[in-house]
Amino acid sequence: MTIVFFDRQDESNPLNNATIDQASDLVKVFDGSQTRDPFFCELVGENGFNLLLGLGSTCSCAQYNRGDGSAPYLLAVLPGEIREGQTEFLMGTP
């Protein structure tokens, strides 16, 4: 399956709008983001569904939804060590 990657926090990311069709290429994208503050990225699938990922070093989350924004949504959170009671994920330009 082919997906398109979008960094929803950093519009200047050179990987924005990159087409990915190999799992190994997606792993490289994730490996390259491990030193960043928690942020959101989105994977847009050719099947009409999107996966919004909150990536952080201590906590992560994922939301699976239809590409047109209609319900239902599936949201999953991987709990981790929460600093100061919550983790904030960056989305959009600060």
Foldseek 3Di string as FASTA:
>chain_A
DKKFKAFQFDNPPPSHRPIDDDPVVVVVVVVVCAVDAWAWMKIGDPVQKIKIKTDYNFKIKIKIDGNVPDDDIDIDIDHGDADPNHGDHGGYYD
